[in-house]
């Protein structure tokens, strides 16, 4: 069973990875998290990471991917960004981005 993991300086430069830049106080972030949780089972080979932008230790990865607004999803394949979304986007758009990882 797949789940969203809390980011803790993992290497995101290999495999299929989705980074969810978010914050607990952000209501649109909660909507996006719910969508991810609905879709996650269909993508067992993808690692999903939740990155709390309020934590100083996550500023490096946020800077690396030029995160300026949340919610922000970054879709990576072997460390290369293949898609990204900013804001509360529809489920169909998130699924499209996940499909690009296949």
C-alpha atoms as a PDB file:
ATOM      1  CA  UNK A   1       0.000   0.000   0.000  1.00  0.00           C
ATOM      2  CA  UNK A   2       1.417   3.359  -1.044  1.00  0.00           C
ATOM      3  CA  UNK A   3       1.388   6.368   1.240  1.00  0.00           C
ATOM      4  CA  UNK A   4       2.606   9.939   1.414  1.00  0.00           C
ATOM      5  CA  UNK A   5       5.876  10.059   3.343  1.00  0.00           C
ATOM      6  CA  UNK A   6       7.151  13.030   5.313  1.00  0.00           C
ATOM      7  CA  UNK A   7      10.252  14.330   3.523  1.00  0.00           C
ATOM      8  CA  UNK A   8      13.435  13.878   5.554  1.00  0.00           C
ATOM      9  CA  UNK A   9      16.297  14.699   3.167  1.00  0.00           C
ATOM     10  CA  UNK A  10      15.735  11.610   1.032  1.00  0.00           C
ATOM     11  CA  UNK A  11      17.486  11.311  -2.310  1.00  0.00           C
ATOM     12  CA  UNK A  12      14.911  12.281  -4.938  1.00  0.00           C
ATOM     13  CA  UNK A  13      17.276  11.929  -7.903  1.00  0.00           C
ATOM     14  CA  UNK A  14      16.321   8.395  -8.867  1.00  0.00           C
ATOM     15  CA  UNK A  15      13.069   6.667  -9.656  1.00  0.00           C
ATOM     16  CA  UNK A  16       9.640   8.249  -9.917  1.00  0.00           C
ATOM     17  CA  UNK A  17       8.940  10.859  -7.245  1.00  0.00           C
ATOM     18  CA  UNK A  18       6.230  13.388  -6.446  1.00  0.00           C
ATOM     19  CA  UNK A  19       7.107  16.220  -4.083  1.00  0.00           C
ATOM     20  CA  UNK A  20       4.135  17.910  -2.421  1.00  0.00           C
ATOM     21  CA  UNK A  21       5.208  21.314  -1.094  1.00  0.00           C
ATOM     22  CA  UNK A  22       2.608  22.333   1.443  1.00  0.00           C
ATOM     23  CA  UNK A  23       1.821  23.714   4.897  1.00  0.00           C
ATOM     24  CA  UNK A  24      -0.615  22.548   7.555  1.00  0.00           C
ATOM     25  CA  UNK A  25      -2.442  25.917   7.634  1.00  0.00           C
ATOM     26  CA  UNK A  26      -3.018  25.975   3.838  1.00  0.00           C
ATOM     27  CA  UNK A  27      -6.584  24.975   2.898  1.00  0.00           C
ATOM     28  CA  UNK A  28      -5.889  24.494  -0.846  1.00  0.00           C
ATOM     29  CA  UNK A  29      -2.988  22.238   0.208  1.00  0.00           C
ATOM     30  CA  UNK A  30      -5.460  20.039   2.078  1.00  0.00           C
ATOM     31  CA  UNK A  31      -7.577  19.707  -1.083  1.00  0.00           C
ATOM     32  CA  UNK A  32      -4.534  18.679  -3.149  1.00  0.00           C
ATOM     33  CA  UNK A  33      -3.453  16.204  -0.446  1.00  0.00           C
ATOM     34  CA  UNK A  34      -6.908  14.588  -0.599  1.00  0.00           C
ATOM     35  CA  UNK A  35      -6.643  14.247  -4.376  1.00  0.00           C
ATOM     36  CA  UNK A  36      -3.182  12.668  -4.068  1.00  0.00           C
ATOM     37  CA  UNK A  37      -4.546  10.220  -1.494  1.00  0.00           C
ATOM     38  CA  UNK A  38      -7.319   9.229  -3.937  1.00  0.00           C
ATOM     39  CA  UNK A  39      -4.852   8.643  -6.797  1.00  0.00           C
ATOM     40  CA  UNK A  40      -1.899   7.128  -4.918  1.00  0.00           C
ATOM     41  CA  UNK A  41      -2.997   3.485  -5.129  1.00  0.00           C
ATOM     42  CA  UNK A  42      -2.916   3.613  -8.927  1.00  0.00           C
ATOM     43  CA  UNK A  43       0.785   4.506  -8.893  1.00  0.00           C
ATOM     44  CA  UNK A  44       2.558   1.950  -6.660  1.00  0.00           C
ATOM     45  CA  UNK A  45       5.958   2.595  -8.291  1.00  0.00           C
ATOM     46  CA  UNK A  46       5.924   6.313  -7.389  1.00  0.00           C
ATOM     47  CA  UNK A  47       7.333   7.705  -4.120  1.00  0.00           C
ATOM     48  CA  UNK A  48       5.201  10.526  -2.688  1.00  0.00           C
ATOM     49  CA  UNK A  49       6.759  13.029  -0.261  1.00  0.00           C
ATOM     50  CA  UNK A  50       5.048  15.744   1.788  1.00  0.00           C
ATOM     51  CA  UNK A  51       7.317  18.741   2.345  1.00  0.00           C
ATOM     52  CA  UNK A  52       6.231  21.224   5.015  1.00  0.00           C
ATOM     53  CA  UNK A  53       7.363  24.629   3.747  1.00  0.00           C
ATOM     54  CA  UNK A  54       7.133  26.098   7.252  1.00  0.00           C
ATOM     55  CA  UNK A  55      10.073  23.982   8.453  1.00  0.00           C
ATOM     56  CA  UNK A  56      13.477  25.665   7.992  1.00  0.00           C
ATOM     57  CA  UNK A  57      15.136  22.328   7.233  1.00  0.00           C
ATOM     58  CA  UNK A  58      13.038  22.085   4.056  1.00  0.00           C
ATOM     59  CA  UNK A  59      14.160  25.434   2.625  1.00  0.00           C
ATOM     60  CA  UNK A  60      16.949  23.822   0.591  1.00  0.00           C
ATOM     61  CA  UNK A  61      14.697  21.536  -1.405  1.00  0.00           C
ATOM     62  CA  UNK A  62      12.121  24.315  -1.834  1.00  0.00           C
ATOM     63  CA  UNK A  63      14.860  26.539  -3.239  1.00  0.00           C
ATOM     64  CA  UNK A  64      16.136  23.757  -5.506  1.00  0.00           C
ATOM     65  CA  UNK A  65      12.714  23.523  -7.163  1.00  0.00           C
ATOM     66  CA  UNK A  66      12.023  27.296  -7.047  1.00  0.00           C
ATOM     67  CA  UNK A  67       8.886  26.895  -4.925  1.00  0.00           C
ATOM     68  CA  UNK A  68       7.292  30.310  -4.420  1.00  0.00           C
ATOM     69  CA  UNK A  69       3.643  29.356  -3.846  1.00  0.00           C
ATOM     70  CA  UNK A  70       1.809  26.439  -2.290  1.00  0.00           C
ATOM     71  CA  UNK A  71       0.357  23.972  -2.914  1.00  0.00           C
ATOM     72  CA  UNK A  72       3.061  23.025  -5.369  1.00  0.00           C
ATOM     73  CA  UNK A  73       3.570  19.558  -6.819  1.00  0.00           C
ATOM     74  CA  UNK A  74       6.796  18.574  -8.588  1.00  0.00           C
ATOM     75  CA  UNK A  75       6.858  15.332 -10.600  1.00  0.00           C
ATOM     76  CA  UNK A  76      10.341  13.825 -11.046  1.00  0.00           C
ATOM     77  CA  UNK A  77      11.695  10.951 -13.090  1.00  0.00           C
ATOM     78  CA  UNK A  78      15.296  10.062 -12.224  1.00  0.00           C
ATOM     79  CA  UNK A  79      15.803  13.528 -10.747  1.00  0.00           C
ATOM     80  CA  UNK A  80      14.468  15.369 -13.795  1.00  0.00           C
ATOM     81  CA  UNK A  81      11.322  17.463 -13.488  1.00  0.00           C
ATOM     82  CA  UNK A  82       8.737  16.221 -15.987  1.00  0.00           C
ATOM     83  CA  UNK A  83       5.769  18.250 -14.723  1.00  0.00           C
ATOM     84  CA  UNK A  84       4.645  20.552 -11.960  1.00  0.00           C
ATOM     85  CA  UNK A  85       1.488  22.236 -10.710  1.00  0.00           C
ATOM     86  CA  UNK A  86       0.905  25.296  -8.559  1.00  0.00           C
ATOM     87  CA  UNK A  87      -2.292  26.000  -6.688  1.00  0.00           C
ATOM     88  CA  UNK A  88      -5.402  23.936  -6.250  1.00  0.00           C
ATOM     89  CA  UNK A  89      -5.668  22.062  -9.530  1.00  0.00           C
ATOM     90  CA  UNK A  90      -8.293  19.522 -10.643  1.00  0.00           C
ATOM     91  CA  UNK A  91      -7.825  15.805 -10.077  1.00  0.00           C
ATOM     92  CA  UNK A  92      -7.602  15.255 -13.846  1.00  0.00           C
ATOM     93  CA  UNK A  93      -4.566  17.564 -14.123  1.00  0.00           C
ATOM     94  CA  UNK A  94      -2.754  15.792 -11.282  1.00  0.00           C
ATOM     95  CA  UNK A  95      -3.494  12.407 -12.889  1.00  0.00           C
ATOM     96  CA  UNK A  96      -2.138  13.718 -16.214  1.00  0.00           C
ATOM     97  CA  UNK A  97       1.102  14.692 -14.497  1.00  0.00           C
ATOM     98  CA  UNK A  98       1.329  11.291 -12.795  1.00  0.00           C
ATOM     99  CA  UNK A  99       0.787   9.596 -16.156  1.00  0.00           C
ATOM    100  CA  UNK A 100       3.825  11.493 -17.494  1.00  0.00           C
ATOM    101  CA  UNK A 101       5.951   9.493 -15.028  1.00  0.00           C
ATOM    102  CA  UNK A 102       5.057   6.192 -16.706  1.00  0.00           C
END
